Amino acid sequence: MTNEITKFDDIIDSRDVIARLDELADRDDLSEDEQNEIVLLESLKRQGEDYAPDWERGAQLVRDSYFKNYAQVFGEVCGIIDENAKWPHTCIDWDKAAYELRMDYTAIEFGDVTYWIR
């Protein structure tokens, strides 16, 4: 059984959306909440497919309120920022860095929450 995907998740993997939709499609006894979940996930999937060429292979959707943290982690994972480094890395304007990184992403809506995808 796959995990429910909610608008409270900081990061959503498109493969999880696909798996959850497949799981729900295989069931006949869907609750009203699950039927509503399908509507939201189908909308998310359509938007994601429009803007992320890697949707089927795995694209990350990043919650707007988490994007600054995502930019910091992204910088560390890519080796751009050494997480153990001191100055000048401790002086980075992460709001500005996140803003500039977000330029490569497209906003899509999941319910009433904005997520960023590329």
Protein backbone atom coordinates (compact mmCIF):
# COMPACT_ATOMS: atom_id res chain seq x y z
CA MET A 1 0.00 0.00 0.00
CA THR A 2 1.36 3.41 -0.95
CA ASN A 3 1.32 6.40 1.34
CA GLU A 4 -1.33 9.04 1.01
CA ILE A 5 0.01 12.18 -0.61
CA THR A 6 -1.09 15.41 1.00
CA LYS A 7 -0.63 19.11 0.46
CA PHE A 8 1.32 19.16 3.73
CA ASP A 9 4.25 17.19 2.27
CA ASP A 10 7.38 19.31 1.79
CA ILE A 11 8.54 17.23 -1.19
CA ILE A 12 6.43 14.97 -3.39
CA ASP A 13 7.94 12.55 -5.88
CA SER A 14 5.94 12.18 -9.09
CA ARG A 15 6.44 8.40 -8.99
CA ASP A 16 4.55 8.35 -5.68
CA VAL A 17 1.67 10.24 -7.31
CA ILE A 18 1.61 7.72 -10.17
CA ALA A 19 1.74 4.75 -7.76
CA ARG A 20 -1.03 6.14 -5.56
CA LEU A 21 -3.29 6.77 -8.57
CA ASP A 22 -2.65 3.23 -9.81
CA GLU A 23 -3.45 1.83 -6.39
CA LEU A 24 -6.71 3.75 -6.14
CA ALA A 25 -7.68 2.82 -9.73
CA ASP A 26 -7.43 -0.88 -8.84
CA ARG A 27 -10.02 -0.60 -6.08
CA ASP A 28 -13.79 -0.71 -6.37
CA ASP A 29 -14.69 0.30 -2.82
CA LEU A 30 -13.41 3.88 -2.73
CA SER A 31 -14.53 6.17 0.05
CA GLU A 32 -15.62 9.72 -0.69
CA ASP A 33 -12.27 10.97 0.63
CA GLU A 34 -10.41 8.64 -1.73
CA GLN A 35 -12.55 9.79 -4.66
CA ASN A 36 -11.67 13.39 -3.79
CA GLU A 37 -8.02 12.36 -3.51
CA ILE A 38 -8.15 10.98 -7.06
CA VAL A 39 -9.49 14.29 -8.38
CA LEU A 40 -6.69 16.25 -6.68
CA LEU A 41 -3.96 13.81 -7.73
CA GLU A 42 -5.19 13.69 -11.34
CA SER A 43 -5.05 17.49 -11.48
CA LEU A 44 -1.54 17.44 -10.00
CA LYS A 45 -0.50 14.77 -12.51
CA ARG A 46 -1.82 16.75 -15.51
CA GLN A 47 0.03 19.88 -14.41
CA GLY A 48 3.19 17.94 -13.63
CA GLU A 49 3.21 16.20 -17.00
CA ASP A 50 2.83 19.58 -18.70
CA TYR A 51 5.85 21.12 -16.98
CA ALA A 52 8.21 18.29 -16.02
CA PRO A 53 9.69 16.17 -18.80
CA ASP A 54 10.86 13.66 -16.17
CA TRP A 55 7.39 13.17 -14.66
CA GLU A 56 7.25 9.43 -15.43
CA ARG A 57 10.85 8.78 -14.30
CA GLY A 58 10.62 10.91 -11.19
CA ALA A 59 10.25 14.66 -10.73
CA GLN A 60 10.29 16.43 -7.39
CA LEU A 61 7.57 18.84 -6.37
CA VAL A 62 8.72 21.25 -3.66
CA ARG A 63 6.20 22.99 -1.39
CA ASP A 64 6.48 26.76 -1.62
CA SER A 65 6.90 27.18 2.13
CA TYR A 66 9.80 24.69 2.10
CA PHE A 67 11.65 26.05 -0.93
CA LYS A 68 14.25 28.03 1.04
CA ASN A 69 15.24 24.88 2.98
CA TYR A 70 15.24 22.94 -0.28
CA ALA A 71 17.66 25.45 -1.83
CA GLN A 72 20.06 25.00 1.09
CA VAL A 73 19.96 21.21 0.89
CA PHE A 74 20.24 21.34 -2.90
CA GLY A 75 23.39 23.46 -2.61
CA GLU A 76 24.93 20.97 -0.18
CA VAL A 77 23.96 17.85 -2.15
CA CYS A 78 25.32 19.31 -5.39
CA GLY A 79 28.61 20.15 -3.65
CA ILE A 80 28.17 23.87 -4.21
CA ILE A 81 28.01 24.54 -0.48
CA ASP A 82 30.04 22.69 2.12
CA GLU A 83 27.69 22.12 5.03
CA ASN A 84 30.68 22.21 7.43
CA ALA A 85 32.13 25.42 6.03
CA LYS A 86 32.10 28.64 7.95
CA TRP A 87 32.43 32.10 6.47
CA PRO A 88 31.48 33.12 3.79
CA HIS A 89 28.97 30.29 3.44
CA THR A 90 27.26 31.30 6.67
CA CYS A 91 26.60 34.72 5.11
CA ILE A 92 24.58 33.51 2.15
CA ASP A 93 21.24 35.23 1.65
CA TRP A 94 19.16 32.05 1.39
CA ASP A 95 15.98 33.96 0.58
CA LYS A 96 17.67 35.44 -2.48
CA ALA A 97 19.32 32.13 -3.39
CA ALA A 98 15.96 30.34 -3.22
CA TYR A 99 14.33 33.10 -5.28
CA GLU A 100 16.94 32.75 -8.00
CA LEU A 101 16.80 28.93 -7.98
CA ARG A 102 13.01 29.10 -8.25
CA MET A 103 13.43 30.87 -11.62
CA ASP A 104 14.16 27.42 -13.11
CA TYR A 105 10.92 25.99 -11.72
CA THR A 106 7.23 26.29 -12.57
CA ALA A 107 4.50 26.77 -9.98
CA ILE A 108 1.68 24.24 -9.95
CA GLU A 109 -1.21 23.92 -7.54
CA PHE A 110 -2.09 20.95 -5.36
CA GLY A 111 -5.41 21.84 -3.84
CA ASP A 112 -4.79 25.33 -2.49
CA VAL A 113 -1.02 24.92 -2.04
CA THR A 114 1.71 25.97 -4.47
CA TYR A 115 4.41 23.48 -5.37
CA TRP A 116 7.44 24.09 -7.60
CA ILE A 117 8.53 21.64 -10.30
CA ARG A 118 11.02 21.59 -13.16
